Amino acid sequence: MLTSHYISTFEDAIDELKQDYNDINDWREIRDHGCESGVCHSHIYYAETNKFFDKYEHAIVEYITDTIGNDGVVDIFQNAGNDITTYKNNMAWEFILYVSQSVIDDYCEEYQP
């Protein structure tokens, strides 16, 4: 069950992303090419992704864990060479990628019959 703190922080994270990427084409680019391609213009550098992760850590970790499981999160950390800076970057990007699909799904439900 989601706590109200989680929901509020999760919604805040989504709202911040929607301010940074306010066009459906931005979201499609993220979904189709991934964050590492550079299409996440507000989340390219470690300083940006780590700041976003630190601000919404609880929501990001819980969402990613719910989506891919504990083993998936462990894999992200190990694939980051057990480096916390790279781990935070990859978790932020993973979160943004999953959010992109959700935003596109919502858009399609609302604007396409």
N, C-alpha and C. Protein backbone atom coordinates (compact mmCIF):
# COMPACT_ATOMS: atom_id res chain seq x y z
N MET A 1 0.83 -1.18 0.00
CA MET A 1 0.00 0.00 0.00
C MET A 1 0.87 1.24 0.00
N LEU A 2 0.52 2.22 -0.80
CA LEU A 2 1.30 3.44 -0.90
C LEU A 2 0.94 4.40 0.24
N THR A 3 1.96 4.99 0.82
CA THR A 3 1.71 5.97 1.87
C THR A 3 1.44 7.31 1.24
N SER A 4 0.83 8.21 1.99
CA SER A 4 0.53 9.53 1.44
C SER A 4 1.81 10.29 1.13
N HIS A 5 2.87 10.07 1.93
CA HIS A 5 4.16 10.71 1.65
C HIS A 5 4.69 10.26 0.29
N TYR A 6 4.61 8.96 0.05
CA TYR A 6 5.09 8.42 -1.23
C TYR A 6 4.29 9.01 -2.38
N ILE A 7 2.98 9.04 -2.25
CA ILE A 7 2.14 9.55 -3.33
C ILE A 7 2.46 11.01 -3.61
N SER A 8 2.56 11.81 -2.56
CA SER A 8 2.86 13.23 -2.73
C SER A 8 4.22 13.41 -3.41
N THR A 9 5.23 12.72 -2.94
CA THR A 9 6.56 12.85 -3.51
C THR A 9 6.59 12.32 -4.94
N PHE A 10 5.92 11.21 -5.18
CA PHE A 10 5.83 10.65 -6.52
C PHE A 10 5.17 11.64 -7.47
N GLU A 11 4.06 12.21 -7.05
CA GLU A 11 3.36 13.19 -7.88
C GLU A 11 4.22 14.42 -8.12
N ASP A 12 4.96 14.84 -7.10
CA ASP A 12 5.86 15.98 -7.26
C ASP A 12 6.94 15.68 -8.29
N ALA A 13 7.47 14.47 -8.25
CA ALA A 13 8.51 14.08 -9.21
C ALA A 13 7.95 14.10 -10.63
N ILE A 14 6.75 13.56 -10.79
CA ILE A 14 6.11 13.54 -12.11
C ILE A 14 5.84 14.97 -12.58
N ASP A 15 5.34 15.80 -11.69
CA ASP A 15 5.06 17.20 -12.05
C ASP A 15 6.33 17.92 -12.50
N GLU A 16 7.42 17.69 -11.79
CA GLU A 16 8.68 18.33 -12.17
C GLU A 16 9.12 17.85 -13.56
N LEU A 17 9.00 16.56 -13.81
CA LEU A 17 9.37 16.04 -15.12
C LEU A 17 8.49 16.62 -16.22
N LYS A 18 7.20 16.75 -15.93
CA LYS A 18 6.28 17.30 -16.93
C LYS A 18 6.57 18.77 -17.22
N GLN A 19 7.15 19.49 -16.26
CA GLN A 19 7.58 20.86 -16.53
C GLN A 19 8.81 20.89 -17.42
N ASP A 20 9.71 19.94 -17.20
CA ASP A 20 10.94 19.87 -18.00
C ASP A 20 10.67 19.36 -19.41
N TYR A 21 9.75 18.41 -19.52
CA TYR A 21 9.43 17.79 -20.80
C TYR A 21 7.93 17.97 -21.02
N ASN A 22 7.56 19.11 -21.58
CA ASN A 22 6.14 19.47 -21.65
C ASN A 22 5.51 19.20 -23.00
N ASP A 23 6.20 18.53 -23.86
CA ASP A 23 5.68 18.22 -25.19
C ASP A 23 5.63 16.70 -25.36
N ILE A 24 4.57 16.19 -25.92
CA ILE A 24 4.44 14.75 -26.10
C ILE A 24 5.57 14.18 -26.95
N ASN A 25 6.10 14.99 -27.86
CA ASN A 25 7.22 14.53 -28.68
C ASN A 25 8.48 14.32 -27.85
N ASP A 26 8.68 15.15 -26.81
CA ASP A 26 9.80 14.93 -25.88
C ASP A 26 9.67 13.55 -25.25
N TRP A 27 8.47 13.24 -24.79
CA TRP A 27 8.23 11.95 -24.13
C TRP A 27 8.43 10.79 -25.10
N ARG A 28 8.01 10.96 -26.33
CA ARG A 28 8.20 9.89 -27.33
C ARG A 28 9.69 9.67 -27.61
N GLU A 29 10.44 10.76 -27.70
CA GLU A 29 11.89 10.66 -27.92
C GLU A 29 12.55 9.91 -26.76
N ILE A 30 12.13 10.22 -25.54
CA ILE A 30 12.68 9.54 -24.37
C ILE A 30 12.34 8.05 -24.43
N ARG A 31 11.07 7.75 -24.69
CA ARG A 31 10.64 6.35 -24.76
C ARG A 31 11.39 5.59 -25.85
N ASP A 32 11.52 6.21 -27.01
CA ASP A 32 12.09 5.52 -28.17
C ASP A 32 13.62 5.44 -28.15
N HIS A 33 14.27 6.42 -27.54
CA HIS A 33 15.73 6.48 -27.62
C HIS A 33 16.44 6.38 -26.27
N GLY A 34 15.69 6.47 -25.19
CA GLY A 34 16.29 6.38 -23.87
C GLY A 34 16.97 7.65 -23.44
N CYS A 35 17.14 7.79 -22.16
CA CYS A 35 17.74 9.00 -21.60
C CYS A 35 19.21 9.16 -21.98
N GLU A 36 19.91 8.03 -22.09
CA GLU A 36 21.34 8.09 -22.39
C GLU A 36 21.63 8.65 -23.78
N SER A 37 20.60 8.76 -24.62
CA SER A 37 20.79 9.30 -25.96
C SER A 37 20.95 10.82 -25.95
N GLY A 38 20.65 11.44 -24.82
CA GLY A 38 20.77 12.89 -24.72
C GLY A 38 19.46 13.63 -24.91
N VAL A 39 18.36 12.90 -25.15
CA VAL A 39 17.08 13.57 -25.38
C VAL A 39 16.49 14.15 -24.09
N CYS A 40 16.98 13.70 -22.95
CA CYS A 40 16.53 14.26 -21.67
C CYS A 40 17.37 15.50 -21.36
N HIS A 41 17.07 16.57 -22.05
CA HIS A 41 17.89 17.77 -22.00
C HIS A 41 18.06 18.35 -20.60
N SER A 42 17.16 18.05 -19.68
CA SER A 42 17.28 18.55 -18.31
C SER A 42 17.91 17.52 -17.37
N HIS A 43 18.23 16.35 -17.91
CA HIS A 43 18.80 15.28 -17.09
C HIS A 43 19.90 14.55 -17.87
N ILE A 44 20.89 15.32 -18.30
CA ILE A 44 21.99 14.74 -19.08
C ILE A 44 23.18 14.42 -18.16
N TYR A 45 23.53 15.38 -17.33
CA TYR A 45 24.75 15.28 -16.54
C TYR A 45 24.48 14.69 -15.16
N TYR A 46 25.50 14.07 -14.58
CA TYR A 46 25.37 13.48 -13.25
C TYR A 46 24.84 14.49 -12.23
N ALA A 47 25.28 15.72 -12.31
CA ALA A 47 24.81 16.74 -11.35
C ALA A 47 23.30 16.87 -11.42
N GLU A 48 22.74 16.82 -12.62
CA GLU A 48 21.28 16.95 -12.81
C GLU A 48 20.54 15.70 -12.36
N THR A 49 21.03 14.55 -12.78
CA THR A 49 20.33 13.30 -12.44
C THR A 49 20.46 12.98 -10.96
N ASN A 50 21.63 13.26 -10.38
CA ASN A 50 21.82 13.00 -8.96
C ASN A 50 20.98 13.94 -8.10
N LYS A 51 20.85 15.18 -8.51
CA LYS A 51 20.01 16.13 -7.79
C LYS A 51 18.54 15.67 -7.82
N PHE A 52 18.08 15.25 -8.98
CA PHE A 52 16.71 14.75 -9.12
C PHE A 52 16.51 13.50 -8.26
N PHE A 53 17.47 12.57 -8.32
CA PHE A 53 17.37 11.36 -7.51
C PHE A 53 17.34 11.70 -6.03
N ASP A 54 18.24 12.55 -5.59
CA ASP A 54 18.29 12.91 -4.17
C ASP A 54 16.99 13.56 -3.70
N LYS A 55 16.40 14.36 -4.55
CA LYS A 55 15.16 15.07 -4.19
C LYS A 55 13.99 14.10 -4.06
N TYR A 56 13.96 13.06 -4.90
CA TYR A 56 12.82 12.14 -4.95
C TYR A 56 13.24 10.69 -4.70
N GLU A 57 14.29 10.50 -3.94
CA GLU A 57 14.87 9.16 -3.77
C GLU A 57 13.82 8.12 -3.36
N HIS A 58 13.05 8.41 -2.35
CA HIS A 58 12.07 7.42 -1.86
C HIS A 58 11.10 7.02 -2.97
N ALA A 59 10.56 8.00 -3.65
CA ALA A 59 9.58 7.71 -4.72
C ALA A 59 10.23 6.93 -5.86
N ILE A 60 11.43 7.32 -6.24
CA ILE A 60 12.11 6.66 -7.35
C ILE A 60 12.43 5.22 -7.00
N VAL A 61 13.03 5.00 -5.85
CA VAL A 61 13.42 3.64 -5.46
C VAL A 61 12.18 2.76 -5.31
N GLU A 62 11.14 3.28 -4.68
CA GLU A 62 9.93 2.48 -4.50
C GLU A 62 9.28 2.16 -5.84
N TYR A 63 9.21 3.14 -6.73
CA TYR A 63 8.59 2.93 -8.04
C TYR A 63 9.39 1.92 -8.88
N ILE A 64 10.70 2.09 -8.91
CA ILE A 64 11.54 1.18 -9.69
C ILE A 64 11.48 -0.22 -9.09
N THR A 65 11.50 -0.33 -7.77
CA THR A 65 11.41 -1.63 -7.12
C THR A 65 10.07 -2.28 -7.44
N ASP A 66 8.99 -1.51 -7.39
CA ASP A 66 7.67 -2.05 -7.73
C ASP A 66 7.61 -2.50 -9.18
N THR A 67 8.35 -1.82 -10.04
CA THR A 67 8.30 -2.10 -11.47
C THR A 67 9.18 -3.28 -11.87
N ILE A 68 10.42 -3.32 -11.37
CA ILE A 68 11.35 -4.37 -11.82
C ILE A 68 11.83 -5.29 -10.69
N GLY A 69 11.40 -5.02 -9.48
CA GLY A 69 11.76 -5.88 -8.35
C GLY A 69 13.09 -5.53 -7.72
N ASN A 70 13.31 -6.09 -6.54
CA ASN A 70 14.55 -5.84 -5.80
C ASN A 70 15.78 -6.27 -6.60
N ASP A 71 15.67 -7.42 -7.26
CA ASP A 71 16.81 -7.90 -8.04
C ASP A 71 17.17 -6.94 -9.17
N GLY A 72 16.15 -6.31 -9.76
CA GLY A 72 16.40 -5.33 -10.81
C GLY A 72 17.15 -4.12 -10.30
N VAL A 73 16.80 -3.67 -9.10
CA VAL A 73 17.49 -2.52 -8.51
C VAL A 73 18.93 -2.91 -8.17
N VAL A 74 19.12 -4.10 -7.66
CA VAL A 74 20.48 -4.59 -7.38
C VAL A 74 21.28 -4.65 -8.68
N ASP A 75 20.66 -5.12 -9.74
CA ASP A 75 21.34 -5.16 -11.04
C ASP A 75 21.76 -3.76 -11.50
N ILE A 76 20.88 -2.78 -11.30
CA ILE A 76 21.22 -1.40 -11.68
C ILE A 76 22.46 -0.94 -10.91
N PHE A 77 22.50 -1.24 -9.61
CA PHE A 77 23.65 -0.85 -8.80
C PHE A 77 24.92 -1.57 -9.26
N GLN A 78 24.82 -2.87 -9.50
CA GLN A 78 25.99 -3.63 -9.94
C GLN A 78 26.44 -3.19 -11.33
N ASN A 79 25.50 -2.90 -12.22
CA ASN A 79 25.86 -2.42 -13.56
C ASN A 79 26.49 -1.04 -13.52
N ALA A 80 26.28 -0.33 -12.42
CA ALA A 80 26.91 0.98 -12.24
C ALA A 80 28.31 0.82 -11.64
N GLY A 81 28.79 -0.41 -11.58
CA GLY A 81 30.11 -0.66 -11.01
C GLY A 81 30.14 -0.38 -9.52
N ASN A 82 28.97 -0.53 -8.88
CA ASN A 82 28.82 -0.25 -7.45
C ASN A 82 29.20 1.18 -7.10
N ASP A 83 29.10 2.09 -8.05
CA ASP A 83 29.40 3.50 -7.86
C ASP A 83 28.09 4.24 -7.60
N ILE A 84 28.00 4.92 -6.47
CA ILE A 84 26.75 5.55 -6.06
C ILE A 84 26.33 6.66 -7.02
N THR A 85 27.25 7.41 -7.55
CA THR A 85 26.92 8.50 -8.48
C THR A 85 26.30 7.94 -9.76
N THR A 86 26.91 6.89 -10.29
CA THR A 86 26.38 6.26 -11.50
C THR A 86 25.05 5.58 -11.21
N TYR A 87 24.93 4.96 -10.05
CA TYR A 87 23.68 4.31 -9.64
C TYR A 87 22.54 5.33 -9.60
N LYS A 88 22.75 6.48 -8.96
CA LYS A 88 21.72 7.51 -8.88
C LYS A 88 21.32 7.99 -10.28
N ASN A 89 22.32 8.17 -11.14
CA ASN A 89 22.07 8.57 -12.52
C ASN A 89 21.19 7.55 -13.22
N ASN A 90 21.56 6.28 -13.12
CA ASN A 90 20.83 5.23 -13.81
C ASN A 90 19.43 5.04 -13.25
N MET A 91 19.27 5.20 -11.94
CA MET A 91 17.94 5.10 -11.34
C MET A 91 17.05 6.25 -11.81
N ALA A 92 17.60 7.46 -11.87
CA ALA A 92 16.83 8.61 -12.36
C ALA A 92 16.41 8.38 -13.80
N TRP A 93 17.34 7.92 -14.62
CA TRP A 93 17.02 7.66 -16.02
C TRP A 93 15.98 6.56 -16.18
N GLU A 94 16.11 5.52 -15.39
CA GLU A 94 15.15 4.41 -15.43
C GLU A 94 13.75 4.93 -15.07
N PHE A 95 13.69 5.75 -14.04
CA PHE A 95 12.43 6.34 -13.60
C PHE A 95 11.82 7.19 -14.71
N ILE A 96 12.62 8.05 -15.31
CA ILE A 96 12.15 8.93 -16.38
C ILE A 96 11.65 8.09 -17.56
N LEU A 97 12.36 7.04 -17.88
CA LEU A 97 11.96 6.16 -18.99
C LEU A 97 10.59 5.53 -18.72
N TYR A 98 10.38 5.01 -17.52
CA TYR A 98 9.08 4.42 -17.19
C TYR A 98 7.98 5.47 -17.17
N VAL A 99 8.30 6.64 -16.67
CA VAL A 99 7.31 7.73 -16.66
C VAL A 99 6.95 8.11 -18.09
N SER A 100 7.91 8.11 -18.99
CA SER A 100 7.63 8.48 -20.38
C SER A 100 6.55 7.57 -20.97
N GLN A 101 6.65 6.29 -20.70
CA GLN A 101 5.66 5.35 -21.23
C GLN A 101 4.28 5.64 -20.63
N SER A 102 4.25 5.95 -19.36
CA SER A 102 2.99 6.26 -18.69
C SER A 102 2.37 7.54 -19.25
N VAL A 103 3.19 8.56 -19.46
CA VAL A 103 2.69 9.82 -20.02
C VAL A 103 2.13 9.60 -21.42
N ILE A 104 2.83 8.83 -22.22
CA ILE A 104 2.37 8.54 -23.59
C ILE A 104 1.08 7.74 -23.56
N ASP A 105 0.99 6.74 -22.68
CA ASP A 105 -0.24 5.96 -22.56
C ASP A 105 -1.42 6.85 -22.18
N ASP A 106 -1.21 7.74 -21.20
CA ASP A 106 -2.27 8.67 -20.78
C ASP A 106 -2.68 9.59 -21.93
N TYR A 107 -1.70 10.08 -22.66
CA TYR A 107 -1.98 10.97 -23.79
C TYR A 107 -2.81 10.24 -24.86
N CYS A 108 -2.43 9.02 -25.16
CA CYS A 108 -3.15 8.25 -26.18
C CYS A 108 -4.59 7.97 -25.75
N GLU A 109 -4.80 7.68 -24.48
CA GLU A 109 -6.15 7.44 -23.97
C GLU A 109 -7.00 8.70 -24.07
N GLU A 110 -6.38 9.84 -23.82
CA GLU A 110 -7.12 11.10 -23.80
C GLU A 110 -7.38 11.68 -25.18
N TYR A 111 -6.41 11.55 -26.09
CA TYR A 111 -6.51 12.24 -27.37
C TYR A 111 -6.72 11.36 -28.59
N GLN A 112 -6.68 10.05 -28.41
CA GLN A 112 -6.91 9.18 -29.55
C GLN A 112 -8.07 8.25 -29.23
N PRO A 113 -9.01 8.15 -30.17
CA PRO A 113 -10.19 7.32 -29.91
C PRO A 113 -9.88 5.84 -29.80
